[in-house]
Amino acid sequence: MTNNEFSFDGQAVPFEQGMTLASALILNGIKSVRRTRRENRDRGPFCMMGSCYDCLVSVNGEPNIQACQVEAKPGLVVESTPSEPRLGFKEL
């Protein structure tokens, strides 16, 4: 992995400074970051402003993070959300 890469499901994703995770994924041809529970359909970044929740991913093991709201940083481990998402709560 170079200085400006994070991983998505084990694949290196290059990005430019200031990009969000969602924009870097789209730029690199990754359109689906999760699948729906009922019909197992692909979902990915849609509104790009945090309103639709279609871009939920896990970041460094923390589930249910909106990829369009997180700035890409080197070394982040980003994973797609399974069709049966884990419920996660941040400890205070």
Protein backbone atom coordinates (compact mmCIF):
# COMPACT_ATOMS: atom_id res chain seq x y z
CA MET A 1 0.00 0.00 0.00
CA THR A 2 1.35 3.45 -0.89
CA ASN A 3 0.97 6.61 1.18
CA ASN A 4 -2.40 7.49 -0.33
CA GLU A 5 -4.22 4.16 -0.22
CA PHE A 6 -6.73 2.48 2.03
CA SER A 7 -8.01 -1.06 1.69
CA PHE A 8 -11.55 -2.06 0.71
CA ASP A 9 -12.35 -5.74 1.18
CA GLY A 10 -8.63 -6.46 0.91
CA GLN A 11 -8.10 -4.42 -2.28
CA ALA A 12 -5.85 -1.33 -2.27
CA VAL A 13 -7.78 1.83 -3.17
CA PRO A 14 -5.71 4.89 -4.12
CA PHE A 15 -7.09 8.35 -3.39
CA GLU A 16 -6.14 12.00 -3.47
CA GLN A 17 -6.02 14.17 -0.38
CA GLY A 18 -9.43 15.57 0.56
CA MET A 19 -11.48 12.79 -1.03
CA THR A 20 -14.09 10.86 0.92
CA LEU A 21 -14.06 7.08 1.07
CA ALA A 22 -17.11 7.02 -1.23
CA SER A 23 -15.57 9.27 -3.87
CA ALA A 24 -12.35 7.23 -3.90
CA LEU A 25 -14.31 3.99 -4.26
CA ILE A 26 -16.36 5.37 -7.15
CA LEU A 27 -13.26 6.78 -8.85
CA ASN A 28 -11.71 3.31 -8.66
CA GLY A 29 -14.75 1.59 -10.19
CA ILE A 30 -16.23 0.20 -6.97
CA LYS A 31 -19.94 0.93 -7.09
CA SER A 32 -21.38 -1.48 -4.51
CA VAL A 33 -20.48 -1.37 -0.83
CA ARG A 34 -23.38 -3.36 0.60
CA ARG A 35 -26.33 -5.59 -0.35
CA THR A 36 -29.97 -5.27 0.68
CA ARG A 37 -31.43 -7.65 3.24
CA ARG A 38 -34.59 -8.63 1.37
CA GLU A 39 -33.55 -9.04 -2.25
CA ASN A 40 -29.75 -9.04 -1.94
CA ARG A 41 -29.39 -6.12 -4.35
CA ASP A 42 -26.27 -3.99 -4.69
CA ARG A 43 -26.19 -0.63 -2.96
CA GLY A 44 -23.53 2.04 -3.04
CA PRO A 45 -22.96 5.76 -2.71
CA PHE A 46 -26.00 7.64 -4.01
CA CYS A 47 -26.63 11.08 -2.53
CA MET A 48 -23.00 11.77 -1.46
CA MET A 49 -24.21 14.05 1.36
CA GLY A 50 -25.20 11.69 4.16
CA SER A 51 -28.96 11.59 3.62
CA CYS A 52 -29.62 8.16 2.10
CA TYR A 53 -27.41 5.71 4.08
CA ASP A 54 -26.78 3.56 0.99
CA CYS A 55 -23.00 3.77 1.47
CA LEU A 56 -22.70 2.09 4.89
CA VAL A 57 -19.35 0.37 5.42
CA SER A 58 -17.18 -0.78 8.32
CA VAL A 59 -14.10 1.32 8.98
CA ASN A 60 -11.34 -0.24 11.09
CA GLY A 61 -13.91 -2.69 12.45
CA GLU A 62 -16.54 -0.09 13.34
CA PRO A 63 -19.78 -0.92 11.46
CA ASN A 64 -22.43 1.35 9.93
CA ILE A 65 -20.21 4.24 8.83
CA GLN A 66 -21.33 6.43 5.93
CA ALA A 67 -18.51 6.30 3.38
CA CYS A 68 -19.58 9.65 1.91
CA GLN A 69 -18.97 11.37 5.25
CA VAL A 70 -15.48 10.06 6.06
CA GLU A 71 -12.30 11.52 4.64
CA ALA A 72 -10.03 8.90 3.10
CA LYS A 73 -6.83 8.38 5.07
CA PRO A 74 -3.85 6.11 4.43
CA GLY A 75 -4.07 2.70 6.03
CA LEU A 76 -7.79 2.64 6.80
CA VAL A 77 -9.34 -0.82 6.59
CA VAL A 78 -12.76 -0.46 4.97
CA GLU A 79 -15.09 -3.42 4.50
CA SER A 80 -18.40 -3.83 2.72
CA THR A 81 -21.51 -4.35 4.80
CA PRO A 82 -23.02 -7.85 4.59
CA SER A 83 -26.70 -8.19 3.72
CA GLU A 84 -27.29 -9.03 7.38
CA PRO A 85 -25.44 -6.10 8.99
CA ARG A 86 -23.89 -6.31 12.42
CA LEU A 87 -25.37 -4.00 14.98
CA GLY A 88 -22.62 -1.92 16.46
CA PHE A 89 -22.54 0.66 19.17
CA LYS A 90 -19.63 2.82 20.08
CA GLU A 91 -18.49 2.54 23.70
CA LEU A 92 -18.12 5.83 25.50
